[in-house]
């Protein structure tokens, strides 16, 4: 497989040539744990989960690091508003995050380091930047001096005036240059803080990723990923502080960024107030439906979310699962057709990969003798996309979705209906059918039995 990826740094698709073909290393920016995850937060998780699966099936070892920001001004504000201790908030919302992303079929990363457990590494990097003249202390802050880095801006390609606006940080009197960004900030006694050579304080946001990536992946690694909104200032600042701290060693070979989830053309974000919480969506649809919806457009393009997004994804999965009806065999990556590998190898072209699944499903519905082999391929395609691993009967019975009727109660009502029809008690049979219809169930009667599924 010849994998090509779009490198944000060069704005081109490039052949992926790993630093070490025996061990691929990938870092993706993770959550700031102060609130429930929304669907925009979930998109990079699902996108890079597919890349993780693809790499795992191609290379002997893959280390995937996704950090957890558990010290941040947003967390502090959440603590002040709720009255809960910061650690209580971060532990609670990290647990929720892991549960929600797990429900979307995302594999756990290899490592999930927390910022609060790596302050020493951040302080060491900050001191190194100061020693080399790239950072300075001012009024209890330590700031990176952007003017000292001649390569600053290579990732975002923004003009200086746009960078100042885009940084979204108030121009402070303690900065030598408005572009300079905080590596360390002072903390009063009532806020979280750590002792340091520059006084009691806490790290800035950008330094945590550079320090943890260096610890777990080395000075230069293969892939750094995240959402499009992280290109500037977060990833630009990561590149600058890491390269300067490590004597011009590049931070990552490839930079990958997924597009925003939008509603009526506007980016979904907490600040805009137009978010859809994953937890709430999971009460109405299986996680696999939400996952497929997040994969329905190319990862670099915006994903417009509307009322029909999830119902449409549900219909697609229903079609695939109907094609797998009766298939019970275990599958491996060896059963994945070459055409799927070709689609995913072309900059993770998941829409093209889904076309392969649609073609397989169509062939299964039409064919006779080769049906089993095609079902094997369809099921195997789901291994790398993170879908189609449920039993079709279980899928159509809606396991995993809250319902007013449980399986046993449904089976009991269906049996009672059959008996009512057999004794010509058609009023009771119609009454039971109405109960099942109202519960969102579809019945398929045959002389032998009645099958059911949730609509």
Protein backbone atom coordinates (compact mmCIF):
# COMPACT_ATOMS: atom_id res chain seq x y z
CA UNK A 1 0.00 0.00 0.00
CA UNK A 2 1.39 3.41 -1.02
CA UNK A 3 -0.14 5.83 1.44
CA UNK A 4 -0.37 9.50 0.53
CA UNK A 5 -1.46 12.21 2.98
CA UNK A 6 -2.20 15.90 2.60
CA UNK A 7 0.46 17.76 4.57
CA UNK A 8 -0.85 21.09 5.85
CA UNK A 9 2.73 22.32 6.14
CA UNK A 10 3.33 22.01 2.39
CA UNK A 11 -0.32 22.27 1.26
CA UNK A 12 0.25 19.17 -0.89
CA UNK A 13 -0.48 15.47 -0.91
CA UNK A 14 2.76 13.62 -0.33
CA UNK A 15 3.81 9.97 -0.19
CA UNK A 16 3.96 8.92 3.45
CA UNK A 17 7.53 7.87 4.16
CA UNK A 18 7.84 6.93 7.85
CA UNK A 19 10.89 7.82 9.89
CA UNK A 20 11.00 4.19 11.00
CA UNK A 21 8.87 1.72 9.06
CA UNK A 22 8.88 -0.62 12.05
CA UNK A 23 7.35 1.96 14.39
CA UNK A 24 4.95 4.73 13.35
CA UNK A 25 4.41 7.59 15.81
CA UNK A 26 1.34 9.84 15.80
CA UNK A 27 0.18 12.65 18.12
CA UNK A 28 -3.33 14.13 18.08
CA UNK A 29 -4.47 16.99 20.28
CA UNK A 30 -7.02 15.73 22.79
CA UNK A 31 -9.77 17.20 24.96
CA UNK A 32 -9.83 20.01 27.49
CA UNK A 33 -11.94 18.29 30.10
CA UNK A 34 -14.45 20.78 31.52
CA UNK A 35 -17.71 19.95 29.68
CA UNK A 36 -19.42 17.19 27.70
CA UNK A 37 -18.02 16.60 24.22
CA UNK A 38 -20.02 17.90 21.26
CA UNK A 39 -20.14 16.48 17.78
CA UNK A 40 -17.46 18.89 16.57
CA UNK A 41 -15.10 17.55 19.26
CA UNK A 42 -15.86 14.02 18.10
CA UNK A 43 -14.93 14.48 14.44
CA UNK A 44 -11.12 14.45 14.88
CA UNK A 45 -11.42 11.48 17.23
CA UNK A 46 -13.27 9.43 14.61
CA UNK A 47 -11.15 10.62 11.67
CA UNK A 48 -7.83 9.86 13.32
CA UNK A 49 -9.22 6.60 14.67
CA UNK A 50 -9.63 5.45 11.06
CA UNK A 51 -6.06 6.54 10.31
CA UNK A 52 -4.87 4.69 13.43
CA UNK A 53 -6.66 1.52 12.26
CA UNK A 54 -5.20 1.90 8.77
CA UNK A 55 -1.66 2.33 10.09
CA UNK A 56 -2.04 -0.61 12.48
CA UNK A 57 -2.94 -2.87 9.58
CA UNK A 58 0.01 -1.64 7.55
CA UNK A 59 2.95 -1.33 9.96
CA UNK A 60 4.26 -3.58 12.76
CA UNK A 61 3.88 -1.02 15.56
CA UNK A 62 1.97 2.24 15.90
CA UNK A 63 2.14 4.53 18.94
CA UNK A 64 -0.78 6.94 19.07
CA UNK A 65 -0.60 9.67 21.74
CA UNK A 66 -3.62 11.85 22.54
CA UNK A 67 -3.12 14.32 25.38
CA UNK A 68 -5.59 15.45 28.03
CA UNK A 69 -5.60 19.13 29.01
CA UNK A 70 -6.60 19.06 32.68
CA UNK A 71 -5.32 22.49 33.67
CA UNK A 72 -6.69 25.45 31.74
CA UNK A 73 -8.49 28.74 32.32
CA UNK A 74 -11.74 27.19 31.03
CA UNK A 75 -11.49 24.48 33.67
CA UNK A 76 -10.82 27.07 36.35
CA UNK A 77 -13.90 29.05 35.29
CA UNK A 78 -16.00 25.88 35.33
CA UNK A 79 -14.82 25.20 38.86
CA UNK A 80 -15.66 28.74 39.97
CA UNK A 81 -19.13 28.54 38.45
CA UNK A 82 -20.01 25.08 39.77
CA UNK A 83 -18.20 25.17 43.11
CA UNK A 84 -16.67 21.75 42.36
CA UNK A 85 -12.94 21.17 42.85
CA UNK A 86 -10.91 21.25 39.65
CA UNK A 87 -9.82 17.64 39.96
CA UNK A 88 -13.42 16.52 40.39
CA UNK A 89 -14.39 18.34 37.20
CA UNK A 90 -11.49 17.01 35.12
CA UNK A 91 -11.88 13.42 36.27
CA UNK A 92 -15.63 13.47 35.70
CA UNK A 93 -15.50 14.93 32.21
CA UNK A 94 -12.56 12.78 31.14
CA UNK A 95 -14.60 9.72 32.10
CA UNK A 96 -17.59 11.06 30.13
CA UNK A 97 -15.31 11.79 27.15
CA UNK A 98 -13.89 8.28 27.12
CA UNK A 99 -17.37 6.76 27.38
CA UNK A 100 -18.77 8.92 24.57
CA UNK A 101 -15.85 8.33 22.21
CA UNK A 102 -15.94 4.62 23.00
CA UNK A 103 -19.63 4.59 22.06
CA UNK A 104 -18.58 6.01 18.67
CA UNK A 105 -16.31 3.02 18.18
CA UNK A 106 -13.04 4.88 18.71
CA UNK A 107 -10.13 2.76 19.87
CA UNK A 108 -8.25 3.96 22.92
CA UNK A 109 -4.98 5.72 22.05
CA UNK A 110 -1.76 3.98 22.97
CA UNK A 111 -1.03 6.70 25.53
CA UNK A 112 -3.22 9.42 27.02
CA UNK A 113 -0.94 11.66 29.11
CA UNK A 114 -2.37 14.40 31.32
CA UNK A 115 -0.91 17.89 31.41
CA UNK A 116 -0.85 18.07 35.21
CA UNK A 117 1.40 15.00 35.34
CA UNK A 118 4.04 16.55 33.04
CA UNK A 119 4.65 20.01 34.47
CA UNK A 120 8.29 19.10 35.23
CA UNK A 121 8.91 18.29 31.55
CA UNK A 122 7.30 21.58 30.54
CA UNK A 123 9.47 23.53 32.97
CA UNK A 124 12.59 21.85 31.58
CA UNK A 125 11.63 22.81 28.03
CA UNK A 126 10.83 26.38 29.08
CA UNK A 127 14.17 26.74 30.81
CA UNK A 128 15.93 25.39 27.72
CA UNK A 129 14.20 27.99 25.55
CA UNK A 130 15.27 30.73 27.95
CA UNK A 131 18.85 29.51 28.02
CA UNK A 132 18.99 29.67 24.22
CA UNK A 133 17.47 33.17 24.12
CA UNK A 134 14.10 32.20 22.64
CA UNK A 135 12.09 33.04 25.74
CA UNK A 136 12.11 35.75 28.39
CA UNK A 137 10.64 36.41 31.81
CA UNK A 138 8.37 39.40 32.42
CA UNK A 139 6.18 40.15 35.45
CA UNK A 140 6.03 36.53 36.54
CA UNK A 141 5.32 35.30 33.00
CA UNK A 142 7.64 33.47 30.66
CA UNK A 143 6.97 34.24 27.01
CA UNK A 144 8.23 32.86 23.72
CA UNK A 145 9.84 35.58 21.61
CA UNK A 146 8.34 35.17 18.15
CA UNK A 147 10.81 37.66 16.67
CA UNK A 148 13.67 35.28 17.51
CA UNK A 149 12.18 32.54 15.31
CA UNK A 150 12.67 33.42 11.63
CA UNK A 151 10.55 30.43 10.52
CA UNK A 152 7.50 31.37 12.60
CA UNK A 153 4.29 31.29 10.56
CA UNK A 154 5.29 28.54 8.12
CA UNK A 155 2.29 26.36 9.01
CA UNK A 156 -0.50 28.96 9.05
CA UNK A 157 1.01 31.29 6.43
CA UNK A 158 -0.77 34.23 8.03
CA UNK A 159 0.41 37.82 7.80
CA UNK A 160 1.70 39.40 10.99
CA UNK A 161 -1.41 41.50 11.54
CA UNK A 162 -3.65 38.47 11.02
CA UNK A 163 -1.60 36.45 13.49
CA UNK A 164 -2.06 39.11 16.17
CA UNK A 165 -5.83 39.08 15.63
CA UNK A 166 -5.97 35.28 15.27
CA UNK A 167 -4.13 34.67 18.52
CA UNK A 168 -7.27 35.96 20.31
CA UNK A 169 -5.17 37.06 23.27
CA UNK A 170 -5.25 40.53 24.73
CA UNK A 171 -2.12 42.52 23.94
CA UNK A 172 -0.48 42.69 27.36
CA UNK A 173 2.04 45.26 28.64
CA UNK A 174 4.43 42.53 29.77
CA UNK A 175 4.93 41.37 26.15
CA UNK A 176 7.83 42.67 24.09
CA UNK A 177 5.87 41.89 20.95
CA UNK A 178 2.08 41.39 20.61
CA UNK A 179 2.77 38.05 18.88
CA UNK A 180 4.70 36.61 21.82
CA UNK A 181 2.86 33.77 23.54
CA UNK A 182 2.81 32.54 27.12
CA UNK A 183 4.84 29.54 28.20
CA UNK A 184 4.30 30.07 31.93
CA UNK A 185 1.88 32.31 33.82
CA UNK A 186 1.69 33.28 37.51
CA UNK A 187 -0.93 31.70 39.78
CA UNK A 188 -2.27 33.39 42.93
CA UNK A 189 -2.67 31.20 46.04
CA UNK A 190 -6.34 30.43 45.34
CA UNK A 191 -5.63 28.96 41.87
CA UNK A 192 -3.73 25.78 40.89
CA UNK A 193 -0.02 26.33 40.67
CA UNK A 194 3.43 24.75 40.79
CA UNK A 195 6.70 26.11 42.11
CA UNK A 196 9.14 27.16 39.41
CA UNK A 197 12.28 29.32 38.92
CA UNK A 198 9.90 32.09 37.79
CA UNK A 199 7.58 31.89 40.78
CA UNK A 200 4.47 29.90 41.55
CA UNK A 201 2.45 29.45 38.39
CA UNK A 202 1.03 27.14 35.76
CA UNK A 203 1.92 26.31 32.15
CA UNK A 204 0.46 27.93 29.08
CA UNK A 205 -1.62 25.75 26.79
CA UNK A 206 0.81 25.26 23.89
CA UNK A 207 3.81 24.02 25.86
CA UNK A 208 2.08 20.89 27.15
CA UNK A 209 1.82 19.23 23.73
CA UNK A 210 5.44 19.94 22.84
CA UNK A 211 6.71 18.55 26.14
CA UNK A 212 4.57 15.41 26.12
CA UNK A 213 5.17 14.67 22.43
CA UNK A 214 8.94 14.88 23.00
CA UNK A 215 8.73 12.56 26.00
CA UNK A 216 6.69 9.83 24.36
CA UNK A 217 7.46 10.14 20.64
CA UNK A 218 10.90 11.75 20.44
CA UNK A 219 12.02 15.09 19.04
CA UNK A 220 10.61 14.36 15.57
CA UNK A 221 7.74 11.96 14.84
CA UNK A 222 5.64 10.99 11.85
CA UNK A 223 2.16 12.54 12.11
CA UNK A 224 0.61 15.35 14.12
CA UNK A 225 -3.15 15.75 13.80
CA UNK A 226 -6.00 17.90 15.02
CA UNK A 227 -8.86 20.11 13.95
CA UNK A 228 -8.50 22.88 11.41
CA UNK A 229 -8.98 25.50 14.14
CA UNK A 230 -5.75 24.36 15.81
CA UNK A 231 -3.46 25.38 12.93
CA UNK A 232 -3.14 28.82 14.49
CA UNK A 233 -2.17 29.60 17.11
CA UNK A 234 -1.81 26.20 18.80
CA UNK A 235 0.06 24.14 16.22
CA UNK A 236 2.06 27.10 14.94
CA UNK A 237 3.28 27.71 18.49
CA UNK A 238 3.99 24.04 19.08
CA UNK A 239 6.22 23.98 16.01
CA UNK A 240 8.10 27.11 17.05
CA UNK A 241 8.84 26.16 20.64
CA UNK A 242 9.74 22.55 19.79
CA UNK A 243 12.02 23.40 16.89
CA UNK A 244 13.81 26.12 18.85
CA UNK A 245 14.16 23.96 21.96
CA UNK A 246 15.50 21.03 19.93
CA UNK A 247 18.07 22.82 17.76
CA UNK A 248 15.95 23.00 14.56
CA UNK A 249 14.67 19.41 14.69
CA UNK A 250 11.19 19.46 13.08
CA UNK A 251 8.36 18.48 15.39
CA UNK A 252 6.47 16.30 12.90
CA UNK A 253 6.90 15.15 9.32
CA UNK A 254 3.20 15.40 8.44
CA UNK A 255 0.53 17.77 9.73
CA UNK A 256 -3.06 16.63 9.19
CA UNK A 257 -6.15 18.70 9.95
CA UNK A 258 -9.83 17.80 9.73
CA UNK A 259 -12.48 20.30 8.66
CA UNK A 260 -15.08 21.80 10.98
CA UNK A 261 -18.54 20.49 11.67
CA UNK A 262 -20.91 23.29 10.67
CA UNK A 263 -24.58 24.11 11.20
CA UNK A 264 -26.12 26.43 8.62
CA UNK A 265 -22.59 27.25 7.50
CA UNK A 266 -21.31 28.27 10.94
CA UNK A 267 -18.63 26.33 12.80
CA UNK A 268 -20.00 24.31 15.68
CA UNK A 269 -18.49 25.52 18.95
CA UNK A 270 -19.38 26.13 22.57
CA UNK A 271 -18.67 29.84 22.17
CA UNK A 272 -21.22 30.06 19.33
CA UNK A 273 -23.81 28.12 21.34
CA UNK A 274 -24.69 25.91 18.36
CA UNK A 275 -23.43 22.60 19.69
CA UNK A 276 -24.96 19.13 19.70
CA UNK A 277 -23.80 17.06 22.67
CA UNK A 278 -22.71 13.50 21.83
CA UNK A 279 -24.34 12.17 25.00
CA UNK A 280 -27.74 13.46 23.85
CA UNK A 281 -27.39 12.11 20.32
CA UNK A 282 -26.55 8.66 21.72
CA UNK A 283 -29.97 8.57 23.36
CA UNK A 284 -31.57 8.62 19.92
CA UNK A 285 -29.09 6.82 17.65
CA UNK A 286 -26.46 4.07 18.00
CA UNK A 287 -22.89 5.33 18.17
CA UNK A 288 -22.16 3.62 14.87
CA UNK A 289 -24.68 5.88 13.13
CA UNK A 290 -23.02 8.99 14.57
CA UNK A 291 -19.62 7.61 13.56
CA UNK A 292 -20.70 7.03 9.97
CA UNK A 293 -22.21 10.52 9.79
CA UNK A 294 -18.87 12.00 10.89
CA UNK A 295 -17.13 10.02 8.13
CA UNK A 296 -19.59 10.88 5.38
CA UNK A 297 -17.53 13.69 3.82
CA UNK A 298 -13.80 13.88 3.20
CA UNK A 299 -12.01 14.60 6.46
CA UNK A 300 -10.43 17.83 5.18
CA UNK A 301 -13.78 19.27 4.10
CA UNK A 302 -16.39 20.91 6.34
CA UNK A 303 -19.23 18.64 7.43
CA UNK A 304 -22.62 20.37 7.35
CA UNK A 305 -24.87 18.93 10.06
CA UNK A 306 -28.64 19.04 9.68
CA UNK A 307 -31.82 17.30 10.76
CA UNK A 308 -31.39 14.53 8.19
CA UNK A 309 -27.70 13.80 8.85
CA UNK A 310 -28.24 10.97 11.32
CA UNK A 311 -31.38 9.45 9.74
CA UNK A 312 -29.50 9.26 6.42
CA UNK A 313 -26.51 7.58 8.07
CA UNK A 314 -28.89 5.13 9.78
CA UNK A 315 -30.43 4.22 6.41
CA UNK A 316 -26.99 3.54 4.94
CA UNK A 317 -26.02 1.27 7.82
CA UNK A 318 -29.37 -0.52 7.61
CA UNK A 319 -28.63 -1.28 3.95
CA UNK A 320 -25.18 -2.64 4.79
CA UNK A 321 -26.48 -4.78 7.64
CA UNK A 322 -29.27 -6.20 5.47
CA UNK A 323 -26.58 -7.29 3.02
CA UNK A 324 -24.84 -9.11 5.90
CA UNK A 325 -27.99 -10.97 6.97
CA UNK A 326 -27.14 -14.57 7.81
CA UNK A 327 -23.36 -14.04 7.74
CA UNK A 328 -21.75 -15.40 10.90
CA UNK A 329 -18.08 -15.87 9.97
CA UNK A 330 -15.15 -14.08 11.61
CA UNK A 331 -13.11 -11.95 9.22
CA UNK A 332 -9.61 -10.50 9.15
CA UNK A 333 -7.88 -7.65 7.34
CA UNK A 334 -6.81 -10.21 4.72
CA UNK A 335 -10.39 -10.22 3.46
CA UNK A 336 -10.42 -6.48 2.75
CA UNK A 337 -10.54 -5.89 -1.03
CA UNK A 338 -7.68 -4.01 -2.64
CA UNK A 339 -10.02 -1.28 -3.90
CA UNK A 340 -10.78 -0.25 -0.31
CA UNK A 341 -7.07 0.00 0.52
CA UNK A 342 -6.61 2.14 -2.59
CA UNK A 343 -9.34 4.56 -1.49
CA UNK A 344 -8.04 4.94 2.05
CA UNK A 345 -4.44 5.20 0.87
CA UNK A 346 -5.39 8.26 -1.16
CA UNK A 347 -5.33 10.78 1.71
CA UNK A 348 -7.84 8.80 3.76
CA UNK A 349 -10.59 9.12 1.15
CA UNK A 350 -13.38 7.65 3.27
CA UNK A 351 -16.25 8.71 0.94
CA UNK A 352 -14.57 6.69 -1.84
CA UNK A 353 -14.16 3.81 0.63
CA UNK A 354 -17.88 3.95 1.45
CA UNK A 355 -18.64 3.69 -2.26
CA UNK A 356 -16.81 0.35 -2.18
CA UNK A 357 -19.16 -0.79 0.60
CA UNK A 358 -22.22 0.37 -1.35
CA UNK A 359 -21.03 -1.56 -4.42
CA UNK A 360 -20.48 -4.68 -2.35
CA UNK A 361 -23.94 -4.37 -0.78
CA UNK A 362 -25.53 -3.97 -4.22
CA UNK A 363 -23.72 -7.05 -5.51
CA UNK A 364 -24.76 -9.08 -2.48
CA UNK A 365 -28.42 -8.24 -3.05
CA UNK A 366 -28.15 -9.29 -6.71
CA UNK A 367 -25.88 -12.31 -6.64
CA UNK A 368 -26.33 -15.95 -5.75
CA UNK A 369 -23.36 -18.30 -5.55
CA UNK A 370 -20.68 -15.72 -4.61
CA UNK A 371 -22.78 -13.98 -1.95
CA UNK A 372 -20.82 -15.41 0.97
CA UNK A 373 -17.47 -14.20 -0.36
CA UNK A 374 -18.87 -10.72 -0.93
CA UNK A 375 -20.33 -10.64 2.58
CA UNK A 376 -16.90 -11.54 3.93
CA UNK A 377 -15.40 -8.59 2.11
CA UNK A 378 -18.11 -6.21 3.28
CA UNK A 379 -17.71 -7.27 6.90
CA UNK A 380 -13.91 -6.97 6.62
CA UNK A 381 -14.18 -3.42 5.23
CA UNK A 382 -15.82 -2.47 8.50
CA UNK A 383 -12.70 -3.46 10.43
CA UNK A 384 -10.75 -0.46 9.23
CA UNK A 385 -13.72 1.93 9.19
CA UNK A 386 -14.90 0.89 12.64
CA UNK A 387 -18.39 -0.17 11.54
CA UNK A 388 -20.42 -3.33 10.74
CA UNK A 389 -19.06 -5.43 13.59
CA UNK A 390 -22.45 -6.12 15.17
CA UNK A 391 -24.67 -9.10 14.41
CA UNK A 392 -27.31 -7.93 11.87
CA UNK A 393 -30.16 -9.30 13.97
CA UNK A 394 -28.85 -7.45 17.02
CA UNK A 395 -28.48 -4.28 14.94
CA UNK A 396 -32.05 -4.31 13.72
CA UNK A 397 -33.34 -5.01 17.20
CA UNK A 398 -31.73 -1.72 18.17
CA UNK A 399 -29.46 -2.95 20.93
CA UNK A 400 -27.74 0.00 22.54
CA UNK A 401 -30.66 2.41 22.06
CA UNK A 402 -32.97 3.14 24.99
CA UNK A 403 -36.50 1.83 24.35
CA UNK A 404 -39.79 1.62 26.17
CA UNK A 405 -39.92 -2.11 25.33
CA UNK A 406 -37.20 -4.66 26.04
CA UNK A 407 -36.46 -7.71 23.88
CA UNK A 408 -38.29 -10.17 26.13
CA UNK A 409 -41.38 -7.97 26.28
CA UNK A 410 -41.34 -7.61 22.49
CA UNK A 411 -41.00 -11.35 21.95
CA UNK A 412 -43.83 -11.95 24.42
CA UNK A 413 -46.13 -9.51 22.60
CA UNK A 414 -45.29 -11.04 19.23
CA UNK A 415 -46.10 -14.52 20.56
CA UNK A 416 -49.38 -13.25 22.02
CA UNK A 417 -50.21 -11.67 18.66
CA UNK A 418 -49.57 -14.95 16.81
CA UNK A 419 -51.81 -16.79 19.24
CA UNK A 420 -54.53 -14.13 18.90
CA UNK A 421 -54.42 -14.44 15.12
CA UNK A 422 -54.53 -18.23 15.36
CA UNK A 423 -57.69 -18.03 17.47
CA UNK A 424 -59.13 -15.31 15.19
CA UNK A 425 -58.98 -12.70 17.95
CA UNK A 426 -58.10 -10.08 15.37
CA UNK A 427 -58.96 -7.09 17.57
CA UNK A 428 -56.30 -8.12 20.10
CA UNK A 429 -53.83 -8.89 17.32
CA UNK A 430 -54.38 -5.41 15.84
CA UNK A 431 -54.05 -3.84 19.30
CA UNK A 432 -50.67 -5.53 19.84
CA UNK A 433 -49.54 -4.51 16.36
CA UNK A 434 -50.39 -0.90 17.20
CA UNK A 435 -48.38 -1.12 20.46
CA UNK A 436 -45.36 -2.41 18.55
CA UNK A 437 -45.76 0.21 15.81
CA UNK A 438 -45.82 3.00 18.42
CA UNK A 439 -42.63 1.59 19.90
CA UNK A 440 -40.95 2.06 16.51
CA UNK A 441 -40.85 -1.63 15.60
CA UNK A 442 -41.18 -3.13 12.13
CA UNK A 443 -42.63 -6.66 11.88
CA UNK A 444 -41.88 -9.09 9.07
CA UNK A 445 -44.39 -11.95 9.13
CA UNK A 446 -43.77 -15.33 7.53
CA UNK A 447 -45.55 -18.69 7.92
CA UNK A 448 -42.76 -19.92 10.20
CA UNK A 449 -42.12 -16.91 12.44
CA UNK A 450 -42.30 -13.16 12.85
CA UNK A 451 -39.05 -11.21 12.68
CA UNK A 452 -38.83 -7.72 14.13
CA UNK A 453 -36.51 -4.76 14.00
CA UNK A 454 -36.49 -1.20 15.22
CA UNK A 455 -37.19 1.46 12.62
